[in-house]
Amino acid sequence: MSDDNRRPRLSKAETQEKLIASAIELMKDTPIGKVSALKICEHAGIDKMAVRYCFGSYVGLLIATALELGRSVSGHVRDGLFDGSAYVDERAVLFGKLLAYLFTSFGDELPKLSLEQLPNFILLEKQITETYGLEPELARALAKRASHIAVATVAIERFIPLTEREHQILHRAQRFFYEEVAKVQDQILE
């Protein structure tokens, strides 16, 4: 093989990016359970051993893909809430579906993520703290709960859709809830 016919060698970071992008692309039109590591590698034009080298395993690739998709959700955070725009954003919907798939299929294998790996969570916690004047411990617990609810909601929104009016009502109810929690936070934290 001459030097002219060789493909340029990708760095580990470039290979990771390419595999994640291919996984996201394939998952848009294919049920996640049918998107194998081999299909992702073929789509990316990368050797199948790259998954093990870059992510340690197929599950590692799926976790990295979920984290990448999770970064997309941060644009939908407003006043410590996920607004209705998340429910029509394909990447946010795919994030919810991928997390649901990961937990149902590989729950025991999944590591606990550090909060530093979730920039959207840190943004959410900061907004709850600043908007409602909540103590850090309470803001963190509420941000975790809001994240759980948002992921679950986005994952099933396509099957049980909410109207725009219902989104507005729930948004107002969540704001009211945070305001009430702020009033009694000393009692909660006792």
C-alpha atoms as a PDB file:
ATOM      1  CA  MET A   1       0.000   0.000   0.000  1.00  0.00           C
ATOM      2  CA  SER A   2       1.440   3.367  -0.959  1.00  0.00           C
ATOM      3  CA  ASP A   3       1.469   6.322   1.403  1.00  0.00           C
ATOM      4  CA  ASP A   4      -1.062   8.076  -0.866  1.00  0.00           C
ATOM      5  CA  ASN A   5      -3.769   5.430  -0.178  1.00  0.00           C
ATOM      6  CA  ARG A   6      -3.553   5.506   3.622  1.00  0.00           C
ATOM      7  CA  ARG A   7      -6.224   7.263   5.588  1.00  0.00           C
ATOM      8  CA  PRO A   8      -4.937   9.818   8.066  1.00  0.00           C
ATOM      9  CA  ARG A   9      -4.652   8.327  11.539  1.00  0.00           C
ATOM     10  CA  LEU A  10      -7.118   9.824  14.002  1.00  0.00           C
ATOM     11  CA  SER A  11      -6.169  10.734  17.551  1.00  0.00           C
ATOM     12  CA  LYS A  12      -7.980   8.989  20.393  1.00  0.00           C
ATOM     13  CA  ALA A  13     -10.094  12.111  20.995  1.00  0.00           C
ATOM     14  CA  GLU A  14     -10.996  12.351  17.291  1.00  0.00           C
ATOM     15  CA  THR A  15     -11.910   8.667  17.220  1.00  0.00           C
ATOM     16  CA  GLN A  16     -14.098   9.096  20.299  1.00  0.00           C
ATOM     17  CA  GLU A  17     -15.871  12.072  18.745  1.00  0.00           C
ATOM     18  CA  LYS A  18     -16.444  10.199  15.506  1.00  0.00           C
ATOM     19  CA  LEU A  19     -17.842   7.128  17.277  1.00  0.00           C
ATOM     20  CA  ILE A  20     -20.174   9.223  19.444  1.00  0.00           C
ATOM     21  CA  ALA A  21     -21.393  11.177  16.415  1.00  0.00           C
ATOM     22  CA  SER A  22     -22.031   7.910  14.549  1.00  0.00           C
ATOM     23  CA  ALA A  23     -23.900   6.447  17.534  1.00  0.00           C
ATOM     24  CA  ILE A  24     -26.138   9.526  17.731  1.00  0.00           C
ATOM     25  CA  GLU A  25     -26.769   9.467  13.993  1.00  0.00           C
ATOM     26  CA  LEU A  26     -27.715   5.773  13.994  1.00  0.00           C
ATOM     27  CA  MET A  27     -29.927   6.083  17.094  1.00  0.00           C
ATOM     28  CA  LYS A  28     -32.064   8.745  15.434  1.00  0.00           C
ATOM     29  CA  ASP A  29     -33.615   6.219  13.042  1.00  0.00           C
ATOM     30  CA  THR A  30     -32.899   2.841  14.656  1.00  0.00           C
ATOM     31  CA  PRO A  31     -34.121   1.473  17.993  1.00  0.00           C
ATOM     32  CA  ILE A  32     -31.239   1.854  20.444  1.00  0.00           C
ATOM     33  CA  GLY A  33     -31.178  -1.868  21.238  1.00  0.00           C
ATOM     34  CA  LYS A  34     -30.390  -2.587  17.583  1.00  0.00           C
ATOM     35  CA  VAL A  35     -27.478  -0.154  17.379  1.00  0.00           C
ATOM     36  CA  SER A  36     -24.505  -2.409  18.092  1.00  0.00           C
ATOM     37  CA  ALA A  37     -20.875  -1.421  18.541  1.00  0.00           C
ATOM     38  CA  LEU A  38     -20.112  -3.075  15.214  1.00  0.00           C
ATOM     39  CA  LYS A  39     -22.757  -0.988  13.401  1.00  0.00           C
ATOM     40  CA  ILE A  40     -21.445   2.178  15.003  1.00  0.00           C
ATOM     41  CA  CYS A  41     -17.876   1.363  13.922  1.00  0.00           C
ATOM     42  CA  GLU A  42     -18.965   0.496  10.382  1.00  0.00           C
ATOM     43  CA  HIS A  43     -20.937   3.746  10.135  1.00  0.00           C
ATOM     44  CA  ALA A  44     -17.910   5.714  11.381  1.00  0.00           C
ATOM     45  CA  GLY A  45     -15.489   3.829   9.118  1.00  0.00           C
ATOM     46  CA  ILE A  46     -13.404   2.833  12.129  1.00  0.00           C
ATOM     47  CA  ASP A  47     -12.029  -0.547  13.213  1.00  0.00           C
ATOM     48  CA  LYS A  48     -14.251  -2.359  15.729  1.00  0.00           C
ATOM     49  CA  MET A  49     -11.447  -2.550  18.287  1.00  0.00           C
ATOM     50  CA  ALA A  50     -11.622   1.240  18.652  1.00  0.00           C
ATOM     51  CA  VAL A  51     -14.609   0.935  21.003  1.00  0.00           C
ATOM     52  CA  ARG A  52     -12.583  -1.035  23.534  1.00  0.00           C
ATOM     53  CA  TYR A  53      -9.558   1.238  23.099  1.00  0.00           C
ATOM     54  CA  CYS A  54     -11.523   4.501  23.413  1.00  0.00           C
ATOM     55  CA  PHE A  55     -14.292   3.619  25.866  1.00  0.00           C
ATOM     56  CA  GLY A  56     -13.376   0.292  27.463  1.00  0.00           C
ATOM     57  CA  SER A  57     -16.606  -1.341  26.316  1.00  0.00           C
ATOM     58  CA  TYR A  58     -19.831  -0.877  24.386  1.00  0.00           C
ATOM     59  CA  VAL A  59     -21.498   0.344  27.599  1.00  0.00           C
ATOM     60  CA  GLY A  60     -18.707   2.911  27.963  1.00  0.00           C
ATOM     61  CA  LEU A  61     -19.472   4.189  24.470  1.00  0.00           C
ATOM     62  CA  LEU A  62     -23.182   4.442  25.304  1.00  0.00           C
ATOM     63  CA  ILE A  63     -22.429   6.350  28.523  1.00  0.00           C
ATOM     64  CA  ALA A  64     -20.150   8.766  26.637  1.00  0.00           C
ATOM     65  CA  THR A  65     -22.903   9.224  24.038  1.00  0.00           C
ATOM     66  CA  ALA A  66     -25.463   9.922  26.772  1.00  0.00           C
ATOM     67  CA  LEU A  67     -23.152  12.496  28.365  1.00  0.00           C
ATOM     68  CA  GLU A  68     -22.694  14.204  25.001  1.00  0.00           C
ATOM     69  CA  LEU A  69     -26.456  14.288  24.464  1.00  0.00           C
ATOM     70  CA  GLY A  70     -26.922  15.508  28.038  1.00  0.00           C
ATOM     71  CA  ARG A  71     -24.922  18.611  27.231  1.00  0.00           C
ATOM     72  CA  SER A  72     -27.693  19.455  24.753  1.00  0.00           C
ATOM     73  CA  VAL A  73     -30.247  19.619  27.547  1.00  0.00           C
ATOM     74  CA  SER A  74     -28.556  22.534  29.302  1.00  0.00           C
ATOM     75  CA  GLY A  75     -29.972  24.962  26.738  1.00  0.00           C
ATOM     76  CA  HIS A  76     -33.460  24.085  27.925  1.00  0.00           C
ATOM     77  CA  VAL A  77     -32.833  24.908  31.572  1.00  0.00           C
ATOM     78  CA  ARG A  78     -34.664  28.028  32.686  1.00  0.00           C
ATOM     79  CA  ASP A  79     -35.116  29.185  36.292  1.00  0.00           C
ATOM     80  CA  GLY A  80     -34.175  25.733  37.543  1.00  0.00           C
ATOM     81  CA  LEU A  81     -36.692  24.091  35.229  1.00  0.00           C
ATOM     82  CA  PHE A  82     -36.714  22.306  31.916  1.00  0.00           C
ATOM     83  CA  ASP A  83     -38.930  24.281  29.605  1.00  0.00           C
ATOM     84  CA  GLY A  84     -41.221  22.882  26.904  1.00  0.00           C
ATOM     85  CA  SER A  85     -38.541  23.282  24.219  1.00  0.00           C
ATOM     86  CA  ALA A  86     -36.783  20.135  25.502  1.00  0.00           C
ATOM     87  CA  TYR A  87     -39.737  18.012  24.453  1.00  0.00           C
ATOM     88  CA  VAL A  88     -39.381  18.876  20.774  1.00  0.00           C
ATOM     89  CA  ASP A  89     -35.576  18.774  20.633  1.00  0.00           C
ATOM     90  CA  GLU A  90     -34.556  15.475  19.017  1.00  0.00           C
ATOM     91  CA  ARG A  91     -31.259  15.347  20.920  1.00  0.00           C
ATOM     92  CA  ALA A  92     -33.005  15.872  24.271  1.00  0.00           C
ATOM     93  CA  VAL A  93     -35.542  13.166  23.421  1.00  0.00           C
ATOM     94  CA  LEU A  94     -32.752  10.804  22.358  1.00  0.00           C
ATOM     95  CA  PHE A  95     -30.921  11.591  25.622  1.00  0.00           C
ATOM     96  CA  GLY A  96     -33.955  10.459  27.608  1.00  0.00           C
ATOM     97  CA  LYS A  97     -34.401   7.326  25.531  1.00  0.00           C
ATOM     98  CA  LEU A  98     -30.721   6.409  25.768  1.00  0.00           C
ATOM     99  CA  LEU A  99     -30.672   6.839  29.544  1.00  0.00           C
ATOM    100  CA  ALA A 100     -33.808   4.713  29.878  1.00  0.00           C
ATOM    101  CA  TYR A 101     -32.174   2.027  27.690  1.00  0.00           C
ATOM    102  CA  LEU A 102     -28.926   2.147  29.670  1.00  0.00           C
ATOM    103  CA  PHE A 103     -30.647   1.760  33.024  1.00  0.00           C
ATOM    104  CA  THR A 104     -32.992  -1.005  31.919  1.00  0.00           C
ATOM    105  CA  SER A 105     -30.358  -2.966  29.994  1.00  0.00           C
ATOM    106  CA  PHE A 106     -27.128  -2.329  31.898  1.00  0.00           C
ATOM    107  CA  GLY A 107     -28.205  -0.924  35.276  1.00  0.00           C
ATOM    108  CA  ASP A 108     -25.792  -3.019  37.336  1.00  0.00           C
ATOM    109  CA  GLU A 109     -22.850  -2.125  35.098  1.00  0.00           C
ATOM    110  CA  LEU A 110     -23.366   1.633  35.167  1.00  0.00           C
ATOM    111  CA  PRO A 111     -21.005   3.691  37.269  1.00  0.00           C
ATOM    112  CA  LYS A 112     -22.318   6.525  39.373  1.00  0.00           C
ATOM    113  CA  LEU A 113     -21.460   9.737  37.574  1.00  0.00           C
ATOM    114  CA  SER A 114     -19.735  12.578  39.345  1.00  0.00           C
ATOM    115  CA  LEU A 115     -21.565  15.869  39.156  1.00  0.00           C
ATOM    116  CA  GLU A 116     -18.567  17.392  37.370  1.00  0.00           C
ATOM    117  CA  GLN A 117     -19.420  15.142  34.419  1.00  0.00           C
ATOM    118  CA  LEU A 118     -22.831  16.770  34.124  1.00  0.00           C
ATOM    119  CA  PRO A 119     -22.436  20.473  33.314  1.00  0.00           C
ATOM    120  CA  ASN A 120     -26.188  20.828  32.776  1.00  0.00           C
ATOM    121  CA  PHE A 121     -26.781  19.570  36.325  1.00  0.00           C
ATOM    122  CA  ILE A 122     -24.378  22.150  37.753  1.00  0.00           C
ATOM    123  CA  LEU A 123     -26.183  24.867  35.768  1.00  0.00           C
ATOM    124  CA  LEU A 124     -29.536  23.648  37.066  1.00  0.00           C
ATOM    125  CA  GLU A 125     -28.322  23.587  40.682  1.00  0.00           C
ATOM    126  CA  LYS A 126     -26.877  27.101  40.340  1.00  0.00           C
ATOM    127  CA  GLN A 127     -30.085  28.460  38.854  1.00  0.00           C
ATOM    128  CA  ILE A 128     -32.222  26.930  41.605  1.00  0.00           C
ATOM    129  CA  THR A 129     -29.901  28.378  44.236  1.00  0.00           C
ATOM    130  CA  GLU A 130     -29.776  31.865  42.730  1.00  0.00           C
ATOM    131  CA  THR A 131     -33.393  32.141  41.620  1.00  0.00           C
ATOM    132  CA  TYR A 132     -35.019  30.902  44.807  1.00  0.00           C
ATOM    133  CA  GLY A 133     -32.341  31.584  47.422  1.00  0.00           C
ATOM    134  CA  LEU A 134     -32.137  27.979  48.512  1.00  0.00           C
ATOM    135  CA  GLU A 135     -29.397  26.511  50.676  1.00  0.00           C
ATOM    136  CA  PRO A 136     -26.845  24.444  48.694  1.00  0.00           C
ATOM    137  CA  GLU A 137     -27.874  21.089  50.210  1.00  0.00           C
ATOM    138  CA  LEU A 138     -31.530  21.660  49.389  1.00  0.00           C
ATOM    139  CA  ALA A 139     -30.785  23.096  45.937  1.00  0.00           C
ATOM    140  CA  ARG A 140     -28.670  20.021  45.096  1.00  0.00           C
ATOM    141  CA  ALA A 141     -31.439  17.625  46.168  1.00  0.00           C
ATOM    142  CA  LEU A 142     -34.038  19.564  44.169  1.00  0.00           C
ATOM    143  CA  ALA A 143     -31.749  19.722  41.125  1.00  0.00           C
ATOM    144  CA  LYS A 144     -31.284  15.946  41.277  1.00  0.00           C
ATOM    145  CA  ARG A 145     -35.045  15.431  41.516  1.00  0.00           C
ATOM    146  CA  ALA A 146     -35.698  17.891  38.664  1.00  0.00           C
ATOM    147  CA  SER A 147     -33.117  16.047  36.538  1.00  0.00           C
ATOM    148  CA  HIS A 148     -34.761  12.682  37.226  1.00  0.00           C
ATOM    149  CA  ILE A 149     -38.179  14.048  36.346  1.00  0.00           C
ATOM    150  CA  ALA A 150     -36.929  15.805  33.219  1.00  0.00           C
ATOM    151  CA  VAL A 151     -35.169  12.713  31.871  1.00  0.00           C
ATOM    152  CA  ALA A 152     -38.187  10.509  32.529  1.00  0.00           C
ATOM    153  CA  THR A 153     -40.535  13.068  31.011  1.00  0.00           C
ATOM    154  CA  VAL A 154     -38.467  13.600  27.882  1.00  0.00           C
ATOM    155  CA  ALA A 155     -38.133   9.842  27.426  1.00  0.00           C
ATOM    156  CA  ILE A 156     -41.904   9.239  27.404  1.00  0.00           C
ATOM    157  CA  GLU A 157     -43.124  12.552  25.956  1.00  0.00           C
ATOM    158  CA  ARG A 158     -43.541  11.029  22.498  1.00  0.00           C
ATOM    159  CA  PHE A 159     -45.890   8.366  23.852  1.00  0.00           C
ATOM    160  CA  ILE A 160     -47.933  10.541  26.222  1.00  0.00           C
ATOM    161  CA  PRO A 161     -47.623  14.069  24.854  1.00  0.00           C
ATOM    162  CA  LEU A 162     -48.473  17.172  26.844  1.00  0.00           C
ATOM    163  CA  THR A 163     -50.104  20.194  25.244  1.00  0.00           C
ATOM    164  CA  GLU A 164     -48.399  23.573  25.337  1.00  0.00           C
ATOM    165  CA  ARG A 165     -50.974  24.680  27.922  1.00  0.00           C
ATOM    166  CA  GLU A 166     -50.129  21.675  30.116  1.00  0.00           C
ATOM    167  CA  HIS A 167     -46.423  22.513  29.856  1.00  0.00           C
ATOM    168  CA  GLN A 168     -47.163  26.077  30.994  1.00  0.00           C
ATOM    169  CA  ILE A 169     -49.269  24.878  33.933  1.00  0.00           C
ATOM    170  CA  LEU A 170     -46.564  22.452  35.080  1.00  0.00           C
ATOM    171  CA  HIS A 171     -43.887  25.116  34.692  1.00  0.00           C
ATOM    172  CA  ARG A 172     -45.867  27.502  36.902  1.00  0.00           C
ATOM    173  CA  ALA A 173     -46.564  24.741  39.419  1.00  0.00           C
ATOM    174  CA  GLN A 174     -42.836  23.918  39.639  1.00  0.00           C
ATOM    175  CA  ARG A 175     -42.000  27.590  40.213  1.00  0.00           C
ATOM    176  CA  PHE A 176     -44.631  27.783  42.931  1.00  0.00           C
ATOM    177  CA  PHE A 177     -43.200  24.628  44.516  1.00  0.00           C
ATOM    178  CA  TYR A 178     -39.652  26.065  44.614  1.00  0.00           C
ATOM    179  CA  GLU A 179     -40.944  29.333  46.097  1.00  0.00           C
ATOM    180  CA  GLU A 180     -42.810  27.454  48.838  1.00  0.00           C
ATOM    181  CA  VAL A 181     -39.782  25.269  49.580  1.00  0.00           C
ATOM    182  CA  ALA A 182     -37.652  28.407  49.943  1.00  0.00           C
ATOM    183  CA  LYS A 183     -40.077  29.722  52.579  1.00  0.00           C
ATOM    184  CA  VAL A 184     -39.750  26.632  54.769  1.00  0.00           C
ATOM    185  CA  GLN A 185     -36.217  25.458  53.967  1.00  0.00           C
ATOM    186  CA  ASP A 186     -35.029  25.840  57.577  1.00  0.00           C
ATOM    187  CA  GLN A 187     -37.667  23.337  58.676  1.00  0.00           C
ATOM    188  CA  ILE A 188     -36.781  20.966  55.816  1.00  0.00           C
ATOM    189  CA  LEU A 189     -33.079  20.993  56.663  1.00  0.00           C
ATOM    190  CA  GLU A 190     -33.548  20.338  60.412  1.00  0.00           C
END
